Protein backbone atom coordinates (compact mmCIF):
# COMPACT_ATOMS: atom_id res chain seq x y z
CA UNK A 1 0.00 0.00 0.00
CA UNK A 2 2.83 2.38 0.94
CA UNK A 3 6.29 2.18 -0.60
CA UNK A 4 9.20 4.41 0.39
CA UNK A 5 12.49 4.05 -1.48
CA UNK A 6 15.89 5.75 -1.17
CA UNK A 7 14.39 8.53 0.94
CA UNK A 8 16.67 11.38 2.03
CA UNK A 9 15.66 14.30 4.26
CA UNK A 10 17.83 17.26 5.18
CA UNK A 11 17.35 19.91 7.85
CA UNK A 12 19.69 22.52 6.45
CA UNK A 13 23.14 20.92 6.28
CA UNK A 14 22.10 18.03 8.57
CA UNK A 15 20.90 14.83 6.92
CA UNK A 16 18.09 13.37 9.02
CA UNK A 17 17.22 10.37 6.80
CA UNK A 18 19.63 8.43 4.60
CA UNK A 19 18.34 6.19 1.83
CA UNK A 20 15.38 4.83 3.82
CA UNK A 21 13.43 1.95 2.24
CA UNK A 22 10.10 0.91 3.78
CA UNK A 23 6.95 -0.90 2.71
CA UNK A 24 3.59 -1.24 4.41
CA UNK A 25 1.10 -3.74 2.99
CA UNK A 26 -2.65 -3.22 3.05
CA UNK A 27 -4.09 -4.19 6.43
CA UNK A 28 -0.72 -4.40 8.16
CA UNK A 29 0.46 -2.77 11.37
CA UNK A 30 4.10 -1.79 10.89
CA UNK A 31 6.15 -0.15 13.63
CA UNK A 32 9.31 1.95 13.58
CA UNK A 33 11.71 1.26 16.44
CA UNK A 34 14.62 3.49 17.36
CA UNK A 35 16.08 5.88 19.91
CA UNK A 36 15.17 9.56 20.14
CA UNK A 37 16.67 11.36 17.17
CA UNK A 38 16.83 8.25 15.00
CA UNK A 39 14.55 9.82 12.38
CA UNK A 40 11.25 8.05 13.09
CA UNK A 41 9.08 11.17 13.36
CA UNK A 42 10.92 12.77 10.45
CA UNK A 43 9.99 9.78 8.29
CA UNK A 44 6.30 10.21 9.11
CA UNK A 45 6.51 13.94 8.45
CA UNK A 46 8.16 13.33 5.09
CA UNK A 47 5.50 10.81 4.06
CA UNK A 48 2.69 13.20 5.03
CA UNK A 49 4.25 16.14 3.15
CA UNK A 50 5.24 18.20 6.19
CA UNK A 51 8.95 18.24 5.31
CA UNK A 52 10.58 18.12 1.86
CA UNK A 53 12.26 14.88 0.87
CA UNK A 54 14.14 13.29 -2.01
CA UNK A 55 13.48 9.76 -3.21
CA UNK A 56 10.24 7.84 -3.78
CA UNK A 57 7.02 7.86 -1.76
CA UNK A 58 4.11 5.95 -3.30
CA UNK A 59 0.63 5.35 -1.92
CA UNK A 60 -1.32 2.64 -3.73
CA UNK A 61 1.11 2.88 -6.63
CA UNK A 62 0.81 6.65 -7.03
CA UNK A 63 3.65 9.04 -6.21
CA UNK A 64 2.76 11.46 -3.40
CA UNK A 65 6.25 12.94 -3.07
CA UNK A 66 5.96 16.72 -2.91
CA UNK A 67 2.20 16.69 -2.30
CA UNK A 68 0.72 19.09 0.26
CA UNK A 69 -0.37 17.58 3.59
CA UNK A 70 -4.00 18.29 2.66
CA UNK A 71 -3.65 16.36 -0.59
CA UNK A 72 -2.03 13.44 1.21
CA UNK A 73 -4.97 13.26 3.65
CA UNK A 74 -7.45 13.40 0.78
CA UNK A 75 -5.60 10.50 -0.84
CA UNK A 76 -6.38 8.40 2.24
CA UNK A 77 -3.34 8.78 4.51
CA UNK A 78 -3.89 10.50 7.88
CA UNK A 79 -1.12 11.50 10.30
CA UNK A 80 -1.72 11.77 14.06
CA UNK A 81 1.34 13.71 15.30
CA UNK A 82 3.06 13.52 18.64
CA UNK A 83 1.67 15.83 21.31
CA UNK A 84 -2.11 15.37 20.79
CA UNK A 85 -2.66 18.98 19.63
CA UNK A 86 -6.36 19.11 20.35
CA UNK A 87 -8.23 22.41 20.64
CA UNK A 88 -8.55 22.96 24.43
CA UNK A 89 -11.34 25.53 24.11
CA UNK A 90 -13.57 23.25 22.03
CA UNK A 91 -15.64 20.30 23.22
CA UNK A 92 -14.92 16.72 22.20
CA UNK A 93 -17.63 16.84 19.53
CA UNK A 94 -16.44 20.24 18.27
CA UNK A 95 -12.88 18.95 17.93
CA UNK A 96 -14.21 16.11 15.79
CA UNK A 97 -16.42 18.45 13.77
CA UNK A 98 -13.47 20.71 12.97
CA UNK A 99 -11.59 17.69 11.59
CA UNK A 100 -14.52 16.82 9.33
CA UNK A 101 -15.22 20.36 8.13
CA UNK A 102 -11.53 20.96 7.39
CA UNK A 103 -11.77 18.12 4.86
CA UNK A 104 -14.89 19.57 3.28
CA UNK A 105 -17.16 16.70 4.29
CA UNK A 106 -20.96 17.24 4.29
CA UNK A 107 -22.82 17.57 7.58
CA UNK A 108 -24.44 14.12 7.33
CA UNK A 109 -21.10 12.38 6.85
CA UNK A 110 -19.52 14.32 9.69
CA UNK A 111 -22.37 13.31 12.01
CA UNK A 112 -22.02 9.66 10.97
CA UNK A 113 -18.23 9.76 11.42
CA UNK A 114 -18.53 11.30 14.90
CA UNK A 115 -20.89 8.48 15.86
CA UNK A 116 -18.35 5.98 14.49
CA UNK A 117 -15.53 7.56 16.53
CA UNK A 118 -17.59 7.66 19.73
CA UNK A 119 -18.41 3.99 19.19
CA UNK A 120 -14.70 3.15 19.13
CA UNK A 121 -13.93 5.41 22.11
CA UNK A 122 -16.77 4.99 24.64
CA UNK A 123 -14.87 7.13 27.17
CA UNK A 124 -15.23 10.05 24.77
CA UNK A 125 -18.97 9.52 24.39
CA UNK A 126 -19.45 10.22 28.07
CA UNK A 127 -17.30 13.36 27.71
CA UNK A 128 -18.78 14.51 24.39
CA UNK A 129 -19.68 17.99 25.68
CA UNK A 130 -16.54 18.42 27.80
CA UNK A 131 -13.89 20.92 26.75
CA UNK A 132 -10.50 19.70 25.59
CA UNK A 133 -8.67 21.28 28.51
CA UNK A 134 -10.75 19.26 30.99
CA UNK A 135 -9.83 15.87 29.52
CA UNK A 136 -7.25 13.57 31.04
CA UNK A 137 -4.07 12.80 29.11
CA UNK A 138 -5.53 9.48 28.01
CA UNK A 139 -8.79 11.06 26.88
CA UNK A 140 -6.88 13.71 24.94
CA UNK A 141 -4.90 11.00 23.18
CA UNK A 142 -8.08 9.13 22.29
CA UNK A 143 -9.55 12.38 20.92
CA UNK A 144 -6.41 12.88 18.84
CA UNK A 145 -6.77 9.37 17.42
CA UNK A 146 -10.46 10.01 16.83
CA UNK A 147 -9.70 13.15 14.83
CA UNK A 148 -7.38 11.11 12.64
CA UNK A 149 -10.17 8.62 12.00
CA UNK A 150 -12.52 11.43 10.95
CA UNK A 151 -10.58 11.50 7.67
CA UNK A 152 -11.79 7.95 6.96
CA UNK A 153 -8.17 7.01 6.22
CA UNK A 154 -7.09 3.93 4.36
CA UNK A 155 -3.85 4.27 6.32
CA UNK A 156 -3.16 5.91 9.67
CA UNK A 157 0.29 7.06 10.83
CA UNK A 158 0.61 7.37 14.61
CA UNK A 159 3.50 9.22 16.27
CA UNK A 160 4.12 8.24 19.91
CA UNK A 161 0.47 7.61 20.87
CA UNK A 162 1.36 6.39 24.38
CA UNK A 163 3.80 9.19 25.26
CA UNK A 164 3.32 10.46 28.80
CA UNK A 165 0.48 8.09 29.67
CA UNK A 166 0.17 5.92 32.76
CA UNK A 167 0.73 2.17 32.16
CA UNK A 168 -2.98 1.36 32.39
CA UNK A 169 -3.78 3.96 29.72
CA UNK A 170 -0.91 2.73 27.54
CA UNK A 171 -2.56 -0.69 27.46
CA UNK A 172 -5.90 0.92 26.56
CA UNK A 173 -4.36 2.93 23.71
CA UNK A 174 -2.75 -0.18 22.24
CA UNK A 175 -6.00 -2.12 22.60
CA UNK A 176 -7.69 0.60 20.55
CA UNK A 177 -4.89 0.54 17.95
CA UNK A 178 -5.43 -3.20 17.56
CA UNK A 179 -9.19 -2.61 17.23
CA UNK A 180 -8.67 0.07 14.55
CA UNK A 181 -6.48 -2.39 12.66
CA UNK A 182 -9.17 -5.08 12.84
CA UNK A 183 -11.62 -2.62 11.29
CA UNK A 184 -9.41 -2.59 8.19
CA UNK A 185 -7.21 0.47 8.63
CA UNK A 186 -3.53 0.06 7.76
CA UNK A 187 -1.24 1.50 10.46
CA UNK A 188 2.32 2.82 10.52
CA UNK A 189 3.31 3.30 14.15
CA UNK A 190 6.15 5.24 15.78
CA UNK A 191 6.36 4.35 19.45
CA UNK A 192 8.99 4.59 22.20
CA UNK A 193 7.40 1.63 23.98
CA UNK A 194 9.01 -0.78 21.53
CA UNK A 195 7.82 -3.90 23.34
CA UNK A 196 4.15 -2.91 23.17
CA UNK A 197 4.51 -1.67 19.60
CA UNK A 198 6.04 -4.93 18.40
CA UNK A 199 3.34 -6.88 20.22
CA UNK A 200 0.58 -5.31 18.11
CA UNK A 201 2.60 -5.06 14.88
CA UNK A 202 3.02 -7.50 12.00
CA UNK A 203 6.45 -6.20 11.04
CA UNK A 204 9.01 -3.68 12.26
CA UNK A 205 11.86 -1.51 11.07
CA UNK A 206 14.76 -0.43 13.28
CA UNK A 207 16.13 3.05 12.57
CA UNK A 208 19.52 4.32 13.76
CA UNK A 209 20.86 7.77 12.84
CA UNK A 210 18.43 8.10 9.96
CA UNK A 211 19.03 4.67 8.42
CA UNK A 212 17.17 1.36 8.48
CA UNK A 213 19.54 -1.10 10.13
CA UNK A 214 17.19 -4.03 10.65
CA UNK A 215 13.76 -5.17 9.54
CA UNK A 216 11.66 -8.28 9.97
CA UNK A 217 8.54 -9.83 11.45
CA UNK A 218 7.60 -8.26 14.78
CA UNK A 219 7.89 -11.57 16.63
CA UNK A 220 11.40 -12.01 15.29
CA UNK A 221 12.48 -8.52 16.36
CA UNK A 222 11.00 -9.07 19.83
CA UNK A 223 13.51 -11.88 20.31
CA UNK A 224 16.45 -10.36 18.42
CA UNK A 225 19.27 -10.00 20.97
CA UNK A 226 20.52 -6.70 19.56
CA UNK A 227 17.03 -5.19 19.49
CA UNK A 228 16.24 -6.48 22.98
CA UNK A 229 19.46 -5.05 24.36
CA UNK A 230 19.09 -1.65 22.69
CA UNK A 231 15.35 -0.98 22.86
CA UNK A 232 13.58 -3.51 25.07
CA UNK A 233 15.67 -3.16 28.21
CA UNK A 234 17.55 -6.44 27.86
CA UNK A 235 16.78 -9.53 29.94
C-alpha atoms as a PDB file:
ATOM      1  CA  UNK A   1       0.000   0.000   0.000  1.00  0.00           C
ATOM      2  CA  UNK A   2       2.830   2.376   0.937  1.00  0.00           C
ATOM      3  CA  UNK A   3       6.290   2.181  -0.599  1.00  0.00           C
ATOM      4  CA  UNK A   4       9.196   4.408   0.392  1.00  0.00           C
ATOM      5  CA  UNK A   5      12.491   4.054  -1.483  1.00  0.00           C
ATOM      6  CA  UNK A   6      15.891   5.752  -1.171  1.00  0.00           C
ATOM      7  CA  UNK A   7      14.388   8.530   0.944  1.00  0.00           C
ATOM      8  CA  UNK A   8      16.669  11.377   2.032  1.00  0.00           C
ATOM      9  CA  UNK A   9      15.660  14.303   4.259  1.00  0.00           C
ATOM     10  CA  UNK A  10      17.833  17.260   5.179  1.00  0.00           C
ATOM     11  CA  UNK A  11      17.349  19.911   7.850  1.00  0.00           C
ATOM     12  CA  UNK A  12      19.690  22.517   6.450  1.00  0.00           C
ATOM     13  CA  UNK A  13      23.138  20.918   6.284  1.00  0.00           C
ATOM     14  CA  UNK A  14      22.101  18.032   8.573  1.00  0.00           C
ATOM     15  CA  UNK A  15      20.904  14.829   6.917  1.00  0.00           C
ATOM     16  CA  UNK A  16      18.088  13.365   9.018  1.00  0.00           C
ATOM     17  CA  UNK A  17      17.218  10.371   6.796  1.00  0.00           C
ATOM     18  CA  UNK A  18      19.625   8.434   4.599  1.00  0.00           C
ATOM     19  CA  UNK A  19      18.336   6.187   1.831  1.00  0.00           C
ATOM     20  CA  UNK A  20      15.381   4.831   3.819  1.00  0.00           C
ATOM     21  CA  UNK A  21      13.428   1.953   2.241  1.00  0.00           C
ATOM     22  CA  UNK A  22      10.103   0.911   3.782  1.00  0.00           C
ATOM     23  CA  UNK A  23       6.954  -0.901   2.713  1.00  0.00           C
ATOM     24  CA  UNK A  24       3.585  -1.237   4.410  1.00  0.00           C
ATOM     25  CA  UNK A  25       1.101  -3.740   2.994  1.00  0.00           C
ATOM     26  CA  UNK A  26      -2.650  -3.222   3.050  1.00  0.00           C
ATOM     27  CA  UNK A  27      -4.090  -4.186   6.432  1.00  0.00           C
ATOM     28  CA  UNK A  28      -0.715  -4.397   8.162  1.00  0.00           C
ATOM     29  CA  UNK A  29       0.463  -2.768  11.373  1.00  0.00           C
ATOM     30  CA  UNK A  30       4.104  -1.793  10.891  1.00  0.00           C
ATOM     31  CA  UNK A  31       6.152  -0.151  13.634  1.00  0.00           C
ATOM     32  CA  UNK A  32       9.312   1.949  13.584  1.00  0.00           C
ATOM     33  CA  UNK A  33      11.707   1.260  16.438  1.00  0.00           C
ATOM     34  CA  UNK A  34      14.623   3.489  17.364  1.00  0.00           C
ATOM     35  CA  UNK A  35      16.077   5.882  19.909  1.00  0.00           C
ATOM     36  CA  UNK A  36      15.172   9.559  20.142  1.00  0.00           C
ATOM     37  CA  UNK A  37      16.667  11.365  17.169  1.00  0.00           C
ATOM     38  CA  UNK A  38      16.827   8.247  15.001  1.00  0.00           C
ATOM     39  CA  UNK A  39      14.551   9.821  12.383  1.00  0.00           C
ATOM     40  CA  UNK A  40      11.253   8.053  13.094  1.00  0.00           C
ATOM     41  CA  UNK A  41       9.080  11.165  13.359  1.00  0.00           C
ATOM     42  CA  UNK A  42      10.923  12.772  10.452  1.00  0.00           C
ATOM     43  CA  UNK A  43       9.992   9.784   8.289  1.00  0.00           C
ATOM     44  CA  UNK A  44       6.300  10.208   9.108  1.00  0.00           C
ATOM     45  CA  UNK A  45       6.509  13.943   8.454  1.00  0.00           C
ATOM     46  CA  UNK A  46       8.162  13.330   5.086  1.00  0.00           C
ATOM     47  CA  UNK A  47       5.498  10.814   4.060  1.00  0.00           C
ATOM     48  CA  UNK A  48       2.691  13.198   5.032  1.00  0.00           C
ATOM     49  CA  UNK A  49       4.249  16.144   3.152  1.00  0.00           C
ATOM     50  CA  UNK A  50       5.242  18.198   6.188  1.00  0.00           C
ATOM     51  CA  UNK A  51       8.949  18.244   5.311  1.00  0.00           C
ATOM     52  CA  UNK A  52      10.584  18.123   1.857  1.00  0.00           C
ATOM     53  CA  UNK A  53      12.263  14.883   0.866  1.00  0.00           C
ATOM     54  CA  UNK A  54      14.144  13.292  -2.005  1.00  0.00           C
ATOM     55  CA  UNK A  55      13.477   9.756  -3.210  1.00  0.00           C
ATOM     56  CA  UNK A  56      10.242   7.840  -3.780  1.00  0.00           C
ATOM     57  CA  UNK A  57       7.016   7.858  -1.760  1.00  0.00           C
ATOM     58  CA  UNK A  58       4.114   5.954  -3.305  1.00  0.00           C
ATOM     59  CA  UNK A  59       0.626   5.349  -1.919  1.00  0.00           C
ATOM     60  CA  UNK A  60      -1.322   2.635  -3.726  1.00  0.00           C
ATOM     61  CA  UNK A  61       1.108   2.878  -6.629  1.00  0.00           C
ATOM     62  CA  UNK A  62       0.806   6.655  -7.035  1.00  0.00           C
ATOM     63  CA  UNK A  63       3.649   9.043  -6.210  1.00  0.00           C
ATOM     64  CA  UNK A  64       2.760  11.456  -3.397  1.00  0.00           C
ATOM     65  CA  UNK A  65       6.249  12.944  -3.066  1.00  0.00           C
ATOM     66  CA  UNK A  66       5.956  16.720  -2.908  1.00  0.00           C
ATOM     67  CA  UNK A  67       2.200  16.695  -2.297  1.00  0.00           C
ATOM     68  CA  UNK A  68       0.718  19.086   0.256  1.00  0.00           C
ATOM     69  CA  UNK A  69      -0.366  17.582   3.590  1.00  0.00           C
ATOM     70  CA  UNK A  70      -4.002  18.293   2.659  1.00  0.00           C
ATOM     71  CA  UNK A  71      -3.652  16.361  -0.595  1.00  0.00           C
ATOM     72  CA  UNK A  72      -2.030  13.439   1.211  1.00  0.00           C
ATOM     73  CA  UNK A  73      -4.971  13.255   3.646  1.00  0.00           C
ATOM     74  CA  UNK A  74      -7.454  13.403   0.784  1.00  0.00           C
ATOM     75  CA  UNK A  75      -5.598  10.498  -0.841  1.00  0.00           C
ATOM     76  CA  UNK A  76      -6.382   8.398   2.243  1.00  0.00           C
ATOM     77  CA  UNK A  77      -3.340   8.778   4.510  1.00  0.00           C
ATOM     78  CA  UNK A  78      -3.892  10.496   7.881  1.00  0.00           C
ATOM     79  CA  UNK A  79      -1.120  11.501  10.298  1.00  0.00           C
ATOM     80  CA  UNK A  80      -1.716  11.770  14.061  1.00  0.00           C
ATOM     81  CA  UNK A  81       1.336  13.708  15.299  1.00  0.00           C
ATOM     82  CA  UNK A  82       3.058  13.524  18.644  1.00  0.00           C
ATOM     83  CA  UNK A  83       1.668  15.826  21.307  1.00  0.00           C
ATOM     84  CA  UNK A  84      -2.113  15.366  20.787  1.00  0.00           C
ATOM     85  CA  UNK A  85      -2.665  18.979  19.627  1.00  0.00           C
ATOM     86  CA  UNK A  86      -6.361  19.106  20.354  1.00  0.00           C
ATOM     87  CA  UNK A  87      -8.232  22.413  20.644  1.00  0.00           C
ATOM     88  CA  UNK A  88      -8.548  22.955  24.427  1.00  0.00           C
ATOM     89  CA  UNK A  89     -11.341  25.535  24.106  1.00  0.00           C
ATOM     90  CA  UNK A  90     -13.568  23.246  22.031  1.00  0.00           C
ATOM     91  CA  UNK A  91     -15.639  20.301  23.217  1.00  0.00           C
ATOM     92  CA  UNK A  92     -14.917  16.724  22.196  1.00  0.00           C
ATOM     93  CA  UNK A  93     -17.629  16.840  19.532  1.00  0.00           C
ATOM     94  CA  UNK A  94     -16.444  20.237  18.273  1.00  0.00           C
ATOM     95  CA  UNK A  95     -12.880  18.946  17.929  1.00  0.00           C
ATOM     96  CA  UNK A  96     -14.207  16.106  15.795  1.00  0.00           C
ATOM     97  CA  UNK A  97     -16.424  18.454  13.774  1.00  0.00           C
ATOM     98  CA  UNK A  98     -13.466  20.706  12.973  1.00  0.00           C
ATOM     99  CA  UNK A  99     -11.594  17.693  11.586  1.00  0.00           C
ATOM    100  CA  UNK A 100     -14.521  16.824   9.330  1.00  0.00           C
ATOM    101  CA  UNK A 101     -15.221  20.363   8.131  1.00  0.00           C
ATOM    102  CA  UNK A 102     -11.530  20.963   7.386  1.00  0.00           C
ATOM    103  CA  UNK A 103     -11.767  18.119   4.863  1.00  0.00           C
ATOM    104  CA  UNK A 104     -14.885  19.568   3.280  1.00  0.00           C
ATOM    105  CA  UNK A 105     -17.160  16.703   4.292  1.00  0.00           C
ATOM    106  CA  UNK A 106     -20.959  17.241   4.287  1.00  0.00           C
ATOM    107  CA  UNK A 107     -22.824  17.568   7.585  1.00  0.00           C
ATOM    108  CA  UNK A 108     -24.444  14.120   7.326  1.00  0.00           C
ATOM    109  CA  UNK A 109     -21.103  12.379   6.845  1.00  0.00           C
ATOM    110  CA  UNK A 110     -19.518  14.323   9.693  1.00  0.00           C
ATOM    111  CA  UNK A 111     -22.369  13.312  12.012  1.00  0.00           C
ATOM    112  CA  UNK A 112     -22.024   9.663  10.974  1.00  0.00           C
ATOM    113  CA  UNK A 113     -18.230   9.762  11.423  1.00  0.00           C
ATOM    114  CA  UNK A 114     -18.530  11.299  14.896  1.00  0.00           C
ATOM    115  CA  UNK A 115     -20.890   8.483  15.861  1.00  0.00           C
ATOM    116  CA  UNK A 116     -18.353   5.979  14.494  1.00  0.00           C
ATOM    117  CA  UNK A 117     -15.526   7.563  16.529  1.00  0.00           C
ATOM    118  CA  UNK A 118     -17.589   7.664  19.733  1.00  0.00           C
ATOM    119  CA  UNK A 119     -18.408   3.994  19.194  1.00  0.00           C
ATOM    120  CA  UNK A 120     -14.701   3.145  19.125  1.00  0.00           C
ATOM    121  CA  UNK A 121     -13.929   5.408  22.109  1.00  0.00           C
ATOM    122  CA  UNK A 122     -16.767   4.988  24.638  1.00  0.00           C
ATOM    123  CA  UNK A 123     -14.867   7.127  27.165  1.00  0.00           C
ATOM    124  CA  UNK A 124     -15.226  10.053  24.775  1.00  0.00           C
ATOM    125  CA  UNK A 125     -18.967   9.516  24.386  1.00  0.00           C
ATOM    126  CA  UNK A 126     -19.450  10.224  28.074  1.00  0.00           C
ATOM    127  CA  UNK A 127     -17.299  13.362  27.708  1.00  0.00           C
ATOM    128  CA  UNK A 128     -18.784  14.513  24.386  1.00  0.00           C
ATOM    129  CA  UNK A 129     -19.684  17.994  25.680  1.00  0.00           C
ATOM    130  CA  UNK A 130     -16.539  18.423  27.798  1.00  0.00           C
ATOM    131  CA  UNK A 131     -13.887  20.922  26.748  1.00  0.00           C
ATOM    132  CA  UNK A 132     -10.501  19.698  25.593  1.00  0.00           C
ATOM    133  CA  UNK A 133      -8.672  21.278  28.513  1.00  0.00           C
ATOM    134  CA  UNK A 134     -10.748  19.258  30.991  1.00  0.00           C
ATOM    135  CA  UNK A 135      -9.831  15.869  29.521  1.00  0.00           C
ATOM    136  CA  UNK A 136      -7.248  13.565  31.037  1.00  0.00           C
ATOM    137  CA  UNK A 137      -4.074  12.795  29.108  1.00  0.00           C
ATOM    138  CA  UNK A 138      -5.525   9.476  28.008  1.00  0.00           C
ATOM    139  CA  UNK A 139      -8.787  11.060  26.879  1.00  0.00           C
ATOM    140  CA  UNK A 140      -6.877  13.712  24.939  1.00  0.00           C
ATOM    141  CA  UNK A 141      -4.896  10.996  23.176  1.00  0.00           C
ATOM    142  CA  UNK A 142      -8.081   9.131  22.288  1.00  0.00           C
ATOM    143  CA  UNK A 143      -9.553  12.379  20.923  1.00  0.00           C
ATOM    144  CA  UNK A 144      -6.410  12.878  18.844  1.00  0.00           C
ATOM    145  CA  UNK A 145      -6.775   9.367  17.422  1.00  0.00           C
ATOM    146  CA  UNK A 146     -10.464  10.011  16.825  1.00  0.00           C
ATOM    147  CA  UNK A 147      -9.702  13.155  14.832  1.00  0.00           C
ATOM    148  CA  UNK A 148      -7.378  11.106  12.642  1.00  0.00           C
ATOM    149  CA  UNK A 149     -10.172   8.619  12.000  1.00  0.00           C
ATOM    150  CA  UNK A 150     -12.520  11.433  10.948  1.00  0.00           C
ATOM    151  CA  UNK A 151     -10.581  11.495   7.669  1.00  0.00           C
ATOM    152  CA  UNK A 152     -11.791   7.946   6.955  1.00  0.00           C
ATOM    153  CA  UNK A 153      -8.173   7.010   6.218  1.00  0.00           C
ATOM    154  CA  UNK A 154      -7.092   3.929   4.364  1.00  0.00           C
ATOM    155  CA  UNK A 155      -3.853   4.268   6.315  1.00  0.00           C
ATOM    156  CA  UNK A 156      -3.156   5.908   9.669  1.00  0.00           C
ATOM    157  CA  UNK A 157       0.289   7.060  10.829  1.00  0.00           C
ATOM    158  CA  UNK A 158       0.613   7.371  14.609  1.00  0.00           C
ATOM    159  CA  UNK A 159       3.496   9.221  16.270  1.00  0.00           C
ATOM    160  CA  UNK A 160       4.117   8.242  19.909  1.00  0.00           C
ATOM    161  CA  UNK A 161       0.467   7.614  20.870  1.00  0.00           C
ATOM    162  CA  UNK A 162       1.356   6.392  24.383  1.00  0.00           C
ATOM    163  CA  UNK A 163       3.799   9.193  25.255  1.00  0.00           C
ATOM    164  CA  UNK A 164       3.318  10.458  28.804  1.00  0.00           C
ATOM    165  CA  UNK A 165       0.483   8.090  29.668  1.00  0.00           C
ATOM    166  CA  UNK A 166       0.171   5.917  32.760  1.00  0.00           C
ATOM    167  CA  UNK A 167       0.733   2.169  32.156  1.00  0.00           C
ATOM    168  CA  UNK A 168      -2.981   1.362  32.394  1.00  0.00           C
ATOM    169  CA  UNK A 169      -3.778   3.956  29.724  1.00  0.00           C
ATOM    170  CA  UNK A 170      -0.914   2.733  27.537  1.00  0.00           C
ATOM    171  CA  UNK A 171      -2.563  -0.687  27.461  1.00  0.00           C
ATOM    172  CA  UNK A 172      -5.904   0.923  26.556  1.00  0.00           C
ATOM    173  CA  UNK A 173      -4.356   2.930  23.706  1.00  0.00           C
ATOM    174  CA  UNK A 174      -2.747  -0.185  22.245  1.00  0.00           C
ATOM    175  CA  UNK A 175      -5.998  -2.117  22.599  1.00  0.00           C
ATOM    176  CA  UNK A 176      -7.686   0.601  20.550  1.00  0.00           C
ATOM    177  CA  UNK A 177      -4.887   0.545  17.949  1.00  0.00           C
ATOM    178  CA  UNK A 178      -5.429  -3.199  17.557  1.00  0.00           C
ATOM    179  CA  UNK A 179      -9.191  -2.611  17.228  1.00  0.00           C
ATOM    180  CA  UNK A 180      -8.667   0.069  14.550  1.00  0.00           C
ATOM    181  CA  UNK A 181      -6.479  -2.388  12.655  1.00  0.00           C
ATOM    182  CA  UNK A 182      -9.170  -5.076  12.840  1.00  0.00           C
ATOM    183  CA  UNK A 183     -11.622  -2.617  11.287  1.00  0.00           C
ATOM    184  CA  UNK A 184      -9.411  -2.594   8.194  1.00  0.00           C
ATOM    185  CA  UNK A 185      -7.206   0.472   8.626  1.00  0.00           C
ATOM    186  CA  UNK A 186      -3.532   0.056   7.755  1.00  0.00           C
ATOM    187  CA  UNK A 187      -1.243   1.498  10.459  1.00  0.00           C
ATOM    188  CA  UNK A 188       2.321   2.818  10.516  1.00  0.00           C
ATOM    189  CA  UNK A 189       3.309   3.304  14.145  1.00  0.00           C
ATOM    190  CA  UNK A 190       6.145   5.236  15.782  1.00  0.00           C
ATOM    191  CA  UNK A 191       6.358   4.346  19.453  1.00  0.00           C
ATOM    192  CA  UNK A 192       8.994   4.593  22.200  1.00  0.00           C
ATOM    193  CA  UNK A 193       7.403   1.629  23.977  1.00  0.00           C
ATOM    194  CA  UNK A 194       9.010  -0.784  21.527  1.00  0.00           C
ATOM    195  CA  UNK A 195       7.824  -3.901  23.336  1.00  0.00           C
ATOM    196  CA  UNK A 196       4.147  -2.906  23.169  1.00  0.00           C
ATOM    197  CA  UNK A 197       4.507  -1.674  19.597  1.00  0.00           C
ATOM    198  CA  UNK A 198       6.039  -4.932  18.397  1.00  0.00           C
ATOM    199  CA  UNK A 199       3.344  -6.877  20.223  1.00  0.00           C
ATOM    200  CA  UNK A 200       0.575  -5.310  18.108  1.00  0.00           C
ATOM    201  CA  UNK A 201       2.601  -5.060  14.877  1.00  0.00           C
ATOM    202  CA  UNK A 202       3.021  -7.496  12.000  1.00  0.00           C
ATOM    203  CA  UNK A 203       6.451  -6.197  11.036  1.00  0.00           C
ATOM    204  CA  UNK A 204       9.006  -3.685  12.262  1.00  0.00           C
ATOM    205  CA  UNK A 205      11.860  -1.506  11.072  1.00  0.00           C
ATOM    206  CA  UNK A 206      14.762  -0.430  13.284  1.00  0.00           C
ATOM    207  CA  UNK A 207      16.135   3.052  12.572  1.00  0.00           C
ATOM    208  CA  UNK A 208      19.517   4.320  13.757  1.00  0.00           C
ATOM    209  CA  UNK A 209      20.859   7.766  12.837  1.00  0.00           C
ATOM    210  CA  UNK A 210      18.429   8.095   9.958  1.00  0.00           C
ATOM    211  CA  UNK A 211      19.031   4.669   8.416  1.00  0.00           C
ATOM    212  CA  UNK A 212      17.174   1.358   8.477  1.00  0.00           C
ATOM    213  CA  UNK A 213      19.540  -1.103  10.128  1.00  0.00           C
ATOM    214  CA  UNK A 214      17.192  -4.026  10.649  1.00  0.00           C
ATOM    215  CA  UNK A 215      13.764  -5.166   9.544  1.00  0.00           C
ATOM    216  CA  UNK A 216      11.665  -8.279   9.967  1.00  0.00           C
ATOM    217  CA  UNK A 217       8.539  -9.832  11.451  1.00  0.00           C
ATOM    218  CA  UNK A 218       7.602  -8.265  14.780  1.00  0.00           C
ATOM    219  CA  UNK A 219       7.891 -11.575  16.626  1.00  0.00           C
ATOM    220  CA  UNK A 220      11.401 -12.015  15.285  1.00  0.00           C
ATOM    221  CA  UNK A 221      12.479  -8.520  16.359  1.00  0.00           C
ATOM    222  CA  UNK A 222      10.997  -9.074  19.826  1.00  0.00           C
ATOM    223  CA  UNK A 223      13.512 -11.885  20.308  1.00  0.00           C
ATOM    224  CA  UNK A 224      16.451 -10.364  18.418  1.00  0.00           C
ATOM    225  CA  UNK A 225      19.271 -10.005  20.972  1.00  0.00           C
ATOM    226  CA  UNK A 226      20.524  -6.697  19.563  1.00  0.00           C
ATOM    227  CA  UNK A 227      17.027  -5.195  19.492  1.00  0.00           C
ATOM    228  CA  UNK A 228      16.238  -6.484  22.977  1.00  0.00           C
ATOM    229  CA  UNK A 229      19.462  -5.045  24.360  1.00  0.00           C
ATOM    230  CA  UNK A 230      19.090  -1.645  22.687  1.00  0.00           C
ATOM    231  CA  UNK A 231      15.354  -0.985  22.860  1.00  0.00           C
ATOM    232  CA  UNK A 232      13.583  -3.510  25.068  1.00  0.00           C
ATOM    233  CA  UNK A 233      15.665  -3.159  28.211  1.00  0.00           C
ATOM    234  CA  UNK A 234      17.551  -6.440  27.860  1.00  0.00           C
ATOM    235  CA  UNK A 235      16.784  -9.530  29.939  1.00  0.00           C
END
